[in-house]
PDB file of N, CA and C in Angstrom:
ATOM      1  N   MET A   1       9.998  -8.286   3.353  1.00  0.00           N
ATOM      2  CA  MET A   1       8.703  -8.628   2.852  1.00  0.00           C
ATOM      3  C   MET A   1       8.048  -7.356   2.337  1.00  0.00           C
ATOM      4  N   LEU A   2       7.555  -7.416   1.136  1.00  0.00           N
ATOM      5  CA  LEU A   2       6.835  -6.283   0.555  1.00  0.00           C
ATOM      6  C   LEU A   2       5.394  -6.347   1.032  1.00  0.00           C
ATOM      7  N   CYS A   3       4.916  -5.279   1.637  1.00  0.00           N
ATOM      8  CA  CYS A   3       3.568  -5.232   2.216  1.00  0.00           C
ATOM      9  C   CYS A   3       2.725  -4.212   1.460  1.00  0.00           C
ATOM     10  N   LEU A   4       1.719  -4.701   0.762  1.00  0.00           N
ATOM     11  CA  LEU A   4       0.843  -3.852  -0.049  1.00  0.00           C
ATOM     12  C   LEU A   4      -0.514  -3.754   0.643  1.00  0.00           C
ATOM     13  N   HIS A   5      -0.905  -2.548   0.961  1.00  0.00           N
ATOM     14  CA  HIS A   5      -2.155  -2.327   1.692  1.00  0.00           C
ATOM     15  C   HIS A   5      -3.376  -2.546   0.797  1.00  0.00           C
ATOM     16  N   GLY A   6      -4.522  -2.569   1.429  1.00  0.00           N
ATOM     17  CA  GLY A   6      -5.787  -2.729   0.719  1.00  0.00           C
ATOM     18  C   GLY A   6      -6.255  -1.431   0.077  1.00  0.00           C
ATOM     19  N   TRP A   7      -7.415  -1.503  -0.511  1.00  0.00           N
ATOM     20  CA  TRP A   7      -7.990  -0.390  -1.259  1.00  0.00           C
ATOM     21  C   TRP A   7      -8.408   0.747  -0.333  1.00  0.00           C
ATOM     22  N   ARG A   8      -7.967   1.937  -0.660  1.00  0.00           N
ATOM     23  CA  ARG A   8      -8.262   3.160   0.078  1.00  0.00           C
ATOM     24  C   ARG A   8      -7.827   3.105   1.537  1.00  0.00           C
ATOM     25  N   THR A   9      -6.605   2.627   1.728  1.00  0.00           N
ATOM     26  CA  THR A   9      -5.938   2.732   3.025  1.00  0.00           C
ATOM     27  C   THR A   9      -4.555   3.301   2.742  1.00  0.00           C
ATOM     28  N   SER A  10      -3.542   2.880   3.469  1.00  0.00           N
ATOM     29  CA  SER A  10      -2.191   3.389   3.218  1.00  0.00           C
ATOM     30  C   SER A  10      -1.154   2.465   3.845  1.00  0.00           C
ATOM     31  N   ALA A  11       0.081   2.697   3.483  1.00  0.00           N
ATOM     32  CA  ALA A  11       1.188   1.944   4.075  1.00  0.00           C
ATOM     33  C   ALA A  11       1.251   2.204   5.579  1.00  0.00           C
ATOM     34  N   LYS A  12       1.034   3.438   5.977  1.00  0.00           N
ATOM     35  CA  LYS A  12       1.071   3.802   7.397  1.00  0.00           C
ATOM     36  C   LYS A  12      -0.009   3.050   8.180  1.00  0.00           C
ATOM     37  N   ILE A  13      -1.208   2.980   7.619  1.00  0.00           N
ATOM     38  CA  ILE A  13      -2.299   2.264   8.283  1.00  0.00           C
ATOM     39  C   ILE A  13      -1.970   0.779   8.381  1.00  0.00           C
ATOM     40  N   MET A  14      -1.488   0.200   7.306  1.00  0.00           N
ATOM     41  CA  MET A  14      -1.148  -1.219   7.330  1.00  0.00           C
ATOM     42  C   MET A  14      -0.046  -1.498   8.347  1.00  0.00           C
ATOM     43  N   GLN A  15       0.912  -0.604   8.430  1.00  0.00           N
ATOM     44  CA  GLN A  15       2.003  -0.773   9.391  1.00  0.00           C
ATOM     45  C   GLN A  15       1.458  -0.768  10.823  1.00  0.00           C
ATOM     46  N   MET A  16       0.504   0.128  11.097  1.00  0.00           N
ATOM     47  CA  MET A  16      -0.106   0.158  12.429  1.00  0.00           C
ATOM     48  C   MET A  16      -0.914  -1.116  12.681  1.00  0.00           C
ATOM     49  N   GLN A  17      -1.637  -1.593  11.668  1.00  0.00           N
ATOM     50  CA  GLN A  17      -2.445  -2.799  11.818  1.00  0.00           C
ATOM     51  C   GLN A  17      -1.581  -4.037  12.042  1.00  0.00           C
ATOM     52  N   MET A  18      -0.405  -4.047  11.489  1.00  0.00           N
ATOM     53  CA  MET A  18       0.473  -5.221  11.572  1.00  0.00           C
ATOM     54  C   MET A  18       1.546  -5.107  12.656  1.00  0.00           C
ATOM     55  N   ALA A  19       1.482  -4.080  13.471  1.00  0.00           N
ATOM     56  CA  ALA A  19       2.553  -3.808  14.440  1.00  0.00           C
ATOM     57  C   ALA A  19       2.848  -5.002  15.348  1.00  0.00           C
ATOM     58  N   ALA A  20       1.828  -5.624  15.896  1.00  0.00           N
ATOM     59  CA  ALA A  20       2.055  -6.757  16.800  1.00  0.00           C
ATOM     60  C   ALA A  20       2.689  -7.932  16.053  1.00  0.00           C
ATOM     61  N   PHE A  21       2.199  -8.204  14.867  1.00  0.00           N
ATOM     62  CA  PHE A  21       2.765  -9.287  14.059  1.00  0.00           C
ATOM     63  C   PHE A  21       4.236  -9.016  13.761  1.00  0.00           C
ATOM     64  N   CYS A  22       4.530  -7.805  13.328  1.00  0.00           N
ATOM     65  CA  CYS A  22       5.911  -7.450  12.978  1.00  0.00           C
ATOM     66  C   CYS A  22       6.836  -7.519  14.189  1.00  0.00           C
ATOM     67  N   PHE A  23       6.300  -7.209  15.360  1.00  0.00           N
ATOM     68  CA  PHE A  23       7.082  -7.289  16.587  1.00  0.00           C
ATOM     69  C   PHE A  23       7.513  -8.729  16.861  1.00  0.00           C
ATOM     70  N   HIS A  24       6.600  -9.664  16.613  1.00  0.00           N
ATOM     71  CA  HIS A  24       6.869 -11.073  16.917  1.00  0.00           C
ATOM     72  C   HIS A  24       7.569 -11.814  15.789  1.00  0.00           C
ATOM     73  N   VAL A  25       7.353 -11.400  14.579  1.00  0.00           N
ATOM     74  CA  VAL A  25       7.973 -12.061  13.421  1.00  0.00           C
ATOM     75  C   VAL A  25       9.008 -11.083  12.858  1.00  0.00           C
ATOM     76  N   LYS A  26      10.224 -11.302  13.219  1.00  0.00           N
ATOM     77  CA  LYS A  26      11.303 -10.378  12.864  1.00  0.00           C
ATOM     78  C   LYS A  26      11.774 -10.617  11.424  1.00  0.00           C
ATOM     79  N   MET A  27      11.634  -9.599  10.616  1.00  0.00           N
ATOM     80  CA  MET A  27      12.163  -9.599   9.247  1.00  0.00           C
ATOM     81  C   MET A  27      12.079  -8.164   8.741  1.00  0.00           C
ATOM     82  N   ASP A  28      12.618  -7.926   7.574  1.00  0.00           N
ATOM     83  CA  ASP A  28      12.539  -6.598   6.961  1.00  0.00           C
ATOM     84  C   ASP A  28      11.195  -6.454   6.270  1.00  0.00           C
ATOM     85  N   TYR A  29      10.408  -5.503   6.730  1.00  0.00           N
ATOM     86  CA  TYR A  29       9.106  -5.210   6.125  1.00  0.00           C
ATOM     87  C   TYR A  29       9.223  -3.907   5.349  1.00  0.00           C
ATOM     88  N   HIS A  30       8.635  -3.885   4.181  1.00  0.00           N
ATOM     89  CA  HIS A  30       8.632  -2.690   3.343  1.00  0.00           C
ATOM     90  C   HIS A  30       7.185  -2.370   3.010  1.00  0.00           C
ATOM     91  N   PHE A  31       6.654  -1.353   3.683  1.00  0.00           N
ATOM     92  CA  PHE A  31       5.275  -0.931   3.494  1.00  0.00           C
ATOM     93  C   PHE A  31       5.247   0.141   2.411  1.00  0.00           C
ATOM     94  N   VAL A  32       4.367  -0.034   1.447  1.00  0.00           N
ATOM     95  CA  VAL A  32       4.352   0.830   0.263  1.00  0.00           C
ATOM     96  C   VAL A  32       2.951   1.379   0.031  1.00  0.00           C
ATOM     97  N   ASP A  33       2.872   2.684  -0.216  1.00  0.00           N
ATOM     98  CA  ASP A  33       1.597   3.287  -0.614  1.00  0.00           C
ATOM     99  C   ASP A  33       1.298   2.967  -2.064  1.00  0.00           C
ATOM    100  N   ALA A  34       0.031   2.771  -2.361  1.00  0.00           N
ATOM    101  CA  ALA A  34      -0.402   2.607  -3.745  1.00  0.00           C
ATOM    102  C   ALA A  34      -0.082   3.889  -4.509  1.00  0.00           C
ATOM    103  N   PRO A  35       0.002   3.816  -5.835  1.00  0.00           N
ATOM    104  CA  PRO A  35       0.437   4.981  -6.601  1.00  0.00           C
ATOM    105  C   PRO A  35      -0.605   6.074  -6.794  1.00  0.00           C
ATOM    106  N   PHE A  36      -1.864   5.813  -6.435  1.00  0.00           N
ATOM    107  CA  PHE A  36      -2.914   6.803  -6.699  1.00  0.00           C
ATOM    108  C   PHE A  36      -3.581   7.240  -5.406  1.00  0.00           C
ATOM    109  N   SER A  37      -3.790   8.551  -5.254  1.00  0.00           N
ATOM    110  CA  SER A  37      -4.581   9.046  -4.126  1.00  0.00           C
ATOM    111  C   SER A  37      -6.006   8.557  -4.285  1.00  0.00           C
ATOM    112  N   ALA A  38      -6.641   8.234  -3.159  1.00  0.00           N
ATOM    113  CA  ALA A  38      -8.010   7.713  -3.204  1.00  0.00           C
ATOM    114  C   ALA A  38      -8.954   8.758  -3.791  1.00  0.00           C
ATOM    115  N   GLN A  39      -9.839   8.289  -4.636  1.00  0.00           N
ATOM    116  CA  GLN A  39     -10.814   9.166  -5.279  1.00  0.00           C
ATOM    117  C   GLN A  39     -12.141   9.197  -4.525  1.00  0.00           C
ATOM    118  N   GLY A  40     -12.192   8.543  -3.402  1.00  0.00           N
ATOM    119  CA  GLY A  40     -13.403   8.525  -2.585  1.00  0.00           C
ATOM    120  C   GLY A  40     -13.045   8.208  -1.153  1.00  0.00           C
ATOM    121  N   ALA A  41     -14.075   8.068  -0.345  1.00  0.00           N
ATOM    122  CA  ALA A  41     -13.873   7.802   1.074  1.00  0.00           C
ATOM    123  C   ALA A  41     -13.424   6.358   1.292  1.00  0.00           C
ATOM    124  N   PRO A  42     -12.653   6.129   2.350  1.00  0.00           N
ATOM    125  CA  PRO A  42     -12.282   4.751   2.687  1.00  0.00           C
ATOM    126  C   PRO A  42     -13.482   4.031   3.295  1.00  0.00           C
ATOM    127  N   ASP A  43     -13.309   2.746   3.527  1.00  0.00           N
ATOM    128  CA  ASP A  43     -14.321   1.965   4.232  1.00  0.00           C
ATOM    129  C   ASP A  43     -14.603   2.641   5.576  1.00  0.00           C
ATOM    130  N   PRO A  44     -15.867   2.644   6.028  1.00  0.00           N
ATOM    131  CA  PRO A  44     -16.180   3.320   7.299  1.00  0.00           C
ATOM    132  C   PRO A  44     -15.330   2.843   8.478  1.00  0.00           C
ATOM    133  N   GLY A  45     -14.981   1.558   8.525  1.00  0.00           N
ATOM    134  CA  GLY A  45     -14.136   1.054   9.609  1.00  0.00           C
ATOM    135  C   GLY A  45     -12.740   1.645   9.584  1.00  0.00           C
ATOM    136  N   ILE A  46     -12.216   1.872   8.404  1.00  0.00           N
ATOM    137  CA  ILE A  46     -10.892   2.502   8.276  1.00  0.00           C
ATOM    138  C   ILE A  46     -10.974   3.956   8.717  1.00  0.00           C
ATOM    139  N   ALA A  47     -11.984   4.666   8.237  1.00  0.00           N
ATOM    140  CA  ALA A  47     -12.141   6.086   8.592  1.00  0.00           C
ATOM    141  C   ALA A  47     -12.354   6.270  10.091  1.00  0.00           C
ATOM    142  N   LEU A  48     -13.053   5.332  10.719  1.00  0.00           N
ATOM    143  CA  LEU A  48     -13.332   5.424  12.155  1.00  0.00           C
ATOM    144  C   LEU A  48     -12.048   5.328  12.973  1.00  0.00           C
ATOM    145  N   PHE A  49     -11.200   4.360  12.638  1.00  0.00           N
ATOM    146  CA  PHE A  49      -9.991   4.134  13.427  1.00  0.00           C
ATOM    147  C   PHE A  49      -8.779   4.933  12.944  1.00  0.00           C
ATOM    148  N   TYR A  50      -8.820   5.375  11.695  1.00  0.00           N
ATOM    149  CA  TYR A  50      -7.688   6.116  11.124  1.00  0.00           C
ATOM    150  C   TYR A  50      -8.205   7.373  10.421  1.00  0.00           C
ATOM    151  N   PRO A  51      -8.798   8.295  11.182  1.00  0.00           N
ATOM    152  CA  PRO A  51      -9.320   9.520  10.560  1.00  0.00           C
ATOM    153  C   PRO A  51      -8.181  10.456  10.153  1.00  0.00           C
ATOM    154  N   ASP A  52      -8.499  11.362   9.289  1.00  0.00           N
ATOM    155  CA  ASP A  52      -7.550  12.413   8.888  1.00  0.00           C
ATOM    156  C   ASP A  52      -6.239  11.846   8.357  1.00  0.00           C
ATOM    157  N   GLN A  53      -6.318  10.781   7.595  1.00  0.00           N
ATOM    158  CA  GLN A  53      -5.150  10.173   6.965  1.00  0.00           C
ATOM    159  C   GLN A  53      -5.222  10.416   5.462  1.00  0.00           C
ATOM    160  N   GLN A  54      -4.090  10.279   4.816  1.00  0.00           N
ATOM    161  CA  GLN A  54      -4.060  10.243   3.351  1.00  0.00           C
ATOM    162  C   GLN A  54      -4.339   8.801   2.958  1.00  0.00           C
ATOM    163  N   TYR A  55      -5.320   8.585   2.092  1.00  0.00           N
ATOM    164  CA  TYR A  55      -5.683   7.246   1.657  1.00  0.00           C
ATOM    165  C   TYR A  55      -5.276   7.060   0.201  1.00  0.00           C
ATOM    166  N   TYR A  56      -4.893   5.836  -0.136  1.00  0.00           N
ATOM    167  CA  TYR A  56      -4.426   5.525  -1.486  1.00  0.00           C
ATOM    168  C   TYR A  56      -5.190   4.328  -2.036  1.00  0.00           C
ATOM    169  N   GLU A  57      -5.168   4.208  -3.348  1.00  0.00           N
ATOM    170  CA  GLU A  57      -5.785   3.053  -3.993  1.00  0.00           C
ATOM    171  C   GLU A  57      -4.922   2.607  -5.164  1.00  0.00           C
ATOM    172  N   TRP A  58      -5.071   1.345  -5.492  1.00  0.00           N
ATOM    173  CA  TRP A  58      -4.280   0.752  -6.571  1.00  0.00           C
ATOM    174  C   TRP A  58      -4.896   1.017  -7.931  1.00  0.00           C
ATOM    175  N   TYR A  59      -6.140   1.398  -7.956  1.00  0.00           N
ATOM    176  CA  TYR A  59      -6.841   1.705  -9.208  1.00  0.00           C
ATOM    177  C   TYR A  59      -8.055   2.554  -8.861  1.00  0.00           C
ATOM    178  N   HIS A  60      -8.596   3.223  -9.858  1.00  0.00           N
ATOM    179  CA  HIS A  60      -9.851   3.951  -9.726  1.00  0.00           C
ATOM    180  C   HIS A  60     -10.919   3.145 -10.451  1.00  0.00           C
ATOM    181  N   LYS A  61     -12.054   3.007  -9.865  1.00  0.00           N
ATOM    182  CA  LYS A  61     -13.104   2.173 -10.454  1.00  0.00           C
ATOM    183  C   LYS A  61     -13.470   2.600 -11.874  1.00  0.00           C
ATOM    184  N   ASP A  62     -13.368   3.869 -12.188  1.00  0.00           N
ATOM    185  CA  ASP A  62     -13.797   4.357 -13.494  1.00  0.00           C
ATOM    186  C   ASP A  62     -12.701   4.330 -14.552  1.00  0.00           C
ATOM    187  N   ASP A  63     -11.492   3.960 -14.178  1.00  0.00           N
ATOM    188  CA  ASP A  63     -10.381   3.973 -15.122  1.00  0.00           C
ATOM    189  C   ASP A  63     -10.356   2.737 -16.007  1.00  0.00           C
ATOM    190  N   SER A  64      -9.649   2.873 -17.100  1.00  0.00           N
ATOM    191  CA  SER A  64      -9.408   1.727 -17.972  1.00  0.00           C
ATOM    192  C   SER A  64      -8.588   0.691 -17.212  1.00  0.00           C
ATOM    193  N   ALA A  65      -9.145  -0.473 -17.040  1.00  0.00           N
ATOM    194  CA  ALA A  65      -8.498  -1.502 -16.230  1.00  0.00           C
ATOM    195  C   ALA A  65      -7.130  -1.894 -16.779  1.00  0.00           C
ATOM    196  N   GLU A  66      -7.014  -2.088 -18.073  1.00  0.00           N
ATOM    197  CA  GLU A  66      -5.738  -2.536 -18.646  1.00  0.00           C
ATOM    198  C   GLU A  66      -4.649  -1.487 -18.493  1.00  0.00           C
ATOM    199  N   GLU A  67      -4.997  -0.236 -18.718  1.00  0.00           N
ATOM    200  CA  GLU A  67      -4.011   0.844 -18.583  1.00  0.00           C
ATOM    201  C   GLU A  67      -3.523   0.939 -17.143  1.00  0.00           C
ATOM    202  N   LYS A  68      -4.419   0.888 -16.191  1.00  0.00           N
ATOM    203  CA  LYS A  68      -4.042   1.002 -14.784  1.00  0.00           C
ATOM    204  C   LYS A  68      -3.274  -0.228 -14.315  1.00  0.00           C
ATOM    205  N   LYS A  69      -3.664  -1.419 -14.780  1.00  0.00           N
ATOM    206  CA  LYS A  69      -2.926  -2.624 -14.400  1.00  0.00           C
ATOM    207  C   LYS A  69      -1.470  -2.505 -14.802  1.00  0.00           C
ATOM    208  N   ALA A  70      -1.221  -2.043 -16.011  1.00  0.00           N
ATOM    209  CA  ALA A  70       0.154  -1.900 -16.491  1.00  0.00           C
ATOM    210  C   ALA A  70       0.913  -0.890 -15.641  1.00  0.00           C
ATOM    211  N   GLN A  71       0.286   0.231 -15.289  1.00  0.00           N
ATOM    212  CA  GLN A  71       0.941   1.246 -14.463  1.00  0.00           C
ATOM    213  C   GLN A  71       1.265   0.689 -13.076  1.00  0.00           C
ATOM    214  N   VAL A  72       0.325  -0.041 -12.497  1.00  0.00           N
ATOM    215  CA  VAL A  72       0.532  -0.582 -11.151  1.00  0.00           C
ATOM    216  C   VAL A  72       1.618  -1.654 -11.166  1.00  0.00           C
ATOM    217  N   VAL A  73       1.608  -2.515 -12.164  1.00  0.00           N
ATOM    218  CA  VAL A  73       2.649  -3.546 -12.259  1.00  0.00           C
ATOM    219  C   VAL A  73       4.025  -2.895 -12.391  1.00  0.00           C
ATOM    220  N   ASP A  74       4.150  -1.886 -13.239  1.00  0.00           N
ATOM    221  CA  ASP A  74       5.423  -1.162 -13.370  1.00  0.00           C
ATOM    222  C   ASP A  74       5.835  -0.539 -12.037  1.00  0.00           C
ATOM    223  N   TYR A  75       4.888   0.068 -11.350  1.00  0.00           N
ATOM    224  CA  TYR A  75       5.142   0.700 -10.058  1.00  0.00           C
ATOM    225  C   TYR A  75       5.674  -0.334  -9.057  1.00  0.00           C
ATOM    226  N   ILE A  76       5.026  -1.491  -8.971  1.00  0.00           N
ATOM    227  CA  ILE A  76       5.448  -2.531  -8.025  1.00  0.00           C
ATOM    228  C   ILE A  76       6.839  -3.055  -8.381  1.00  0.00           C
ATOM    229  N   PHE A  77       7.114  -3.224  -9.665  1.00  0.00           N
ATOM    230  CA  PHE A  77       8.456  -3.679 -10.051  1.00  0.00           C
ATOM    231  C   PHE A  77       9.519  -2.637  -9.696  1.00  0.00           C
ATOM    232  N   ARG A  78       9.217  -1.355  -9.833  1.00  0.00           N
ATOM    233  CA  ARG A  78      10.166  -0.309  -9.423  1.00  0.00           C
ATOM    234  C   ARG A  78      10.424  -0.397  -7.914  1.00  0.00           C
ATOM    235  N   ILE A  79       9.353  -0.606  -7.146  1.00  0.00           N
ATOM    236  CA  ILE A  79       9.498  -0.738  -5.690  1.00  0.00           C
ATOM    237  C   ILE A  79      10.352  -1.958  -5.358  1.00  0.00           C
ATOM    238  N   LEU A  80      10.084  -3.071  -6.030  1.00  0.00           N
ATOM    239  CA  LEU A  80      10.882  -4.285  -5.792  1.00  0.00           C
ATOM    240  C   LEU A  80      12.356  -4.051  -6.096  1.00  0.00           C
ATOM    241  N   ASP A  81      12.640  -3.317  -7.166  1.00  0.00           N
ATOM    242  CA  ASP A  81      14.032  -2.987  -7.484  1.00  0.00           C
ATOM    243  C   ASP A  81      14.653  -2.155  -6.368  1.00  0.00           C
ATOM    244  N   GLU A  82      13.915  -1.168  -5.855  1.00  0.00           N
ATOM    245  CA  GLU A  82      14.430  -0.320  -4.786  1.00  0.00           C
ATOM    246  C   GLU A  82      14.664  -1.134  -3.512  1.00  0.00           C
ATOM    247  N   VAL A  83      13.722  -2.000  -3.161  1.00  0.00           N
ATOM    248  CA  VAL A  83      13.855  -2.827  -1.963  1.00  0.00           C
ATOM    249  C   VAL A  83      15.052  -3.751  -2.096  1.00  0.00           C
ATOM    250  N   THR A  84      15.241  -4.326  -3.261  1.00  0.00           N
ATOM    251  CA  THR A  84      16.360  -5.216  -3.499  1.00  0.00           C
ATOM    252  C   THR A  84      17.679  -4.472  -3.343  1.00  0.00           C
ATOM    253  N   LEU A  85      17.740  -3.254  -3.866  1.00  0.00           N
ATOM    254  CA  LEU A  85      18.961  -2.463  -3.741  1.00  0.00           C
ATOM    255  C   LEU A  85      19.260  -2.103  -2.285  1.00  0.00           C
ATOM    256  N   VAL A  86      18.220  -1.793  -1.530  1.00  0.00           N
ATOM    257  CA  VAL A  86      18.390  -1.400  -0.134  1.00  0.00           C
ATOM    258  C   VAL A  86      18.763  -2.600   0.733  1.00  0.00           C
ATOM    259  N   SER A  87      18.064  -3.721   0.538  1.00  0.00           N
ATOM    260  CA  SER A  87      18.283  -4.861   1.428  1.00  0.00           C
ATOM    261  C   SER A  87      19.403  -5.787   0.948  1.00  0.00           C
ATOM    262  N   GLY A  88      19.750  -5.697  -0.316  1.00  0.00           N
ATOM    263  CA  GLY A  88      20.788  -6.567  -0.841  1.00  0.00           C
ATOM    264  C   GLY A  88      20.314  -7.971  -1.170  1.00  0.00           C
ATOM    265  N   HIS A  89      19.010  -8.207  -1.137  1.00  0.00           N
ATOM    266  CA  HIS A  89      18.443  -9.538  -1.428  1.00  0.00           C
ATOM    267  C   HIS A  89      17.737  -9.529  -2.760  1.00  0.00           C
TER     268      HIS A  89
END
């Protein structure tokens, strides 16, 4: 399962948040960081529980939406290709 985190968090944070679920639901999980480093602070709840982390985002609010959408879609397809090669599915 490809697991994409929310805005200004990270794959590591999502993996920690989903640890109990992943323990009980056995399957191959692939946690992926967004392609861009966060350009601002994360949500206060994220910063409180996960301080001193590298945060990522799927887009920057000030960027051209169409240009970034294309980059993110390409990025996700590359990840899917890598996951498919690794898992054989």
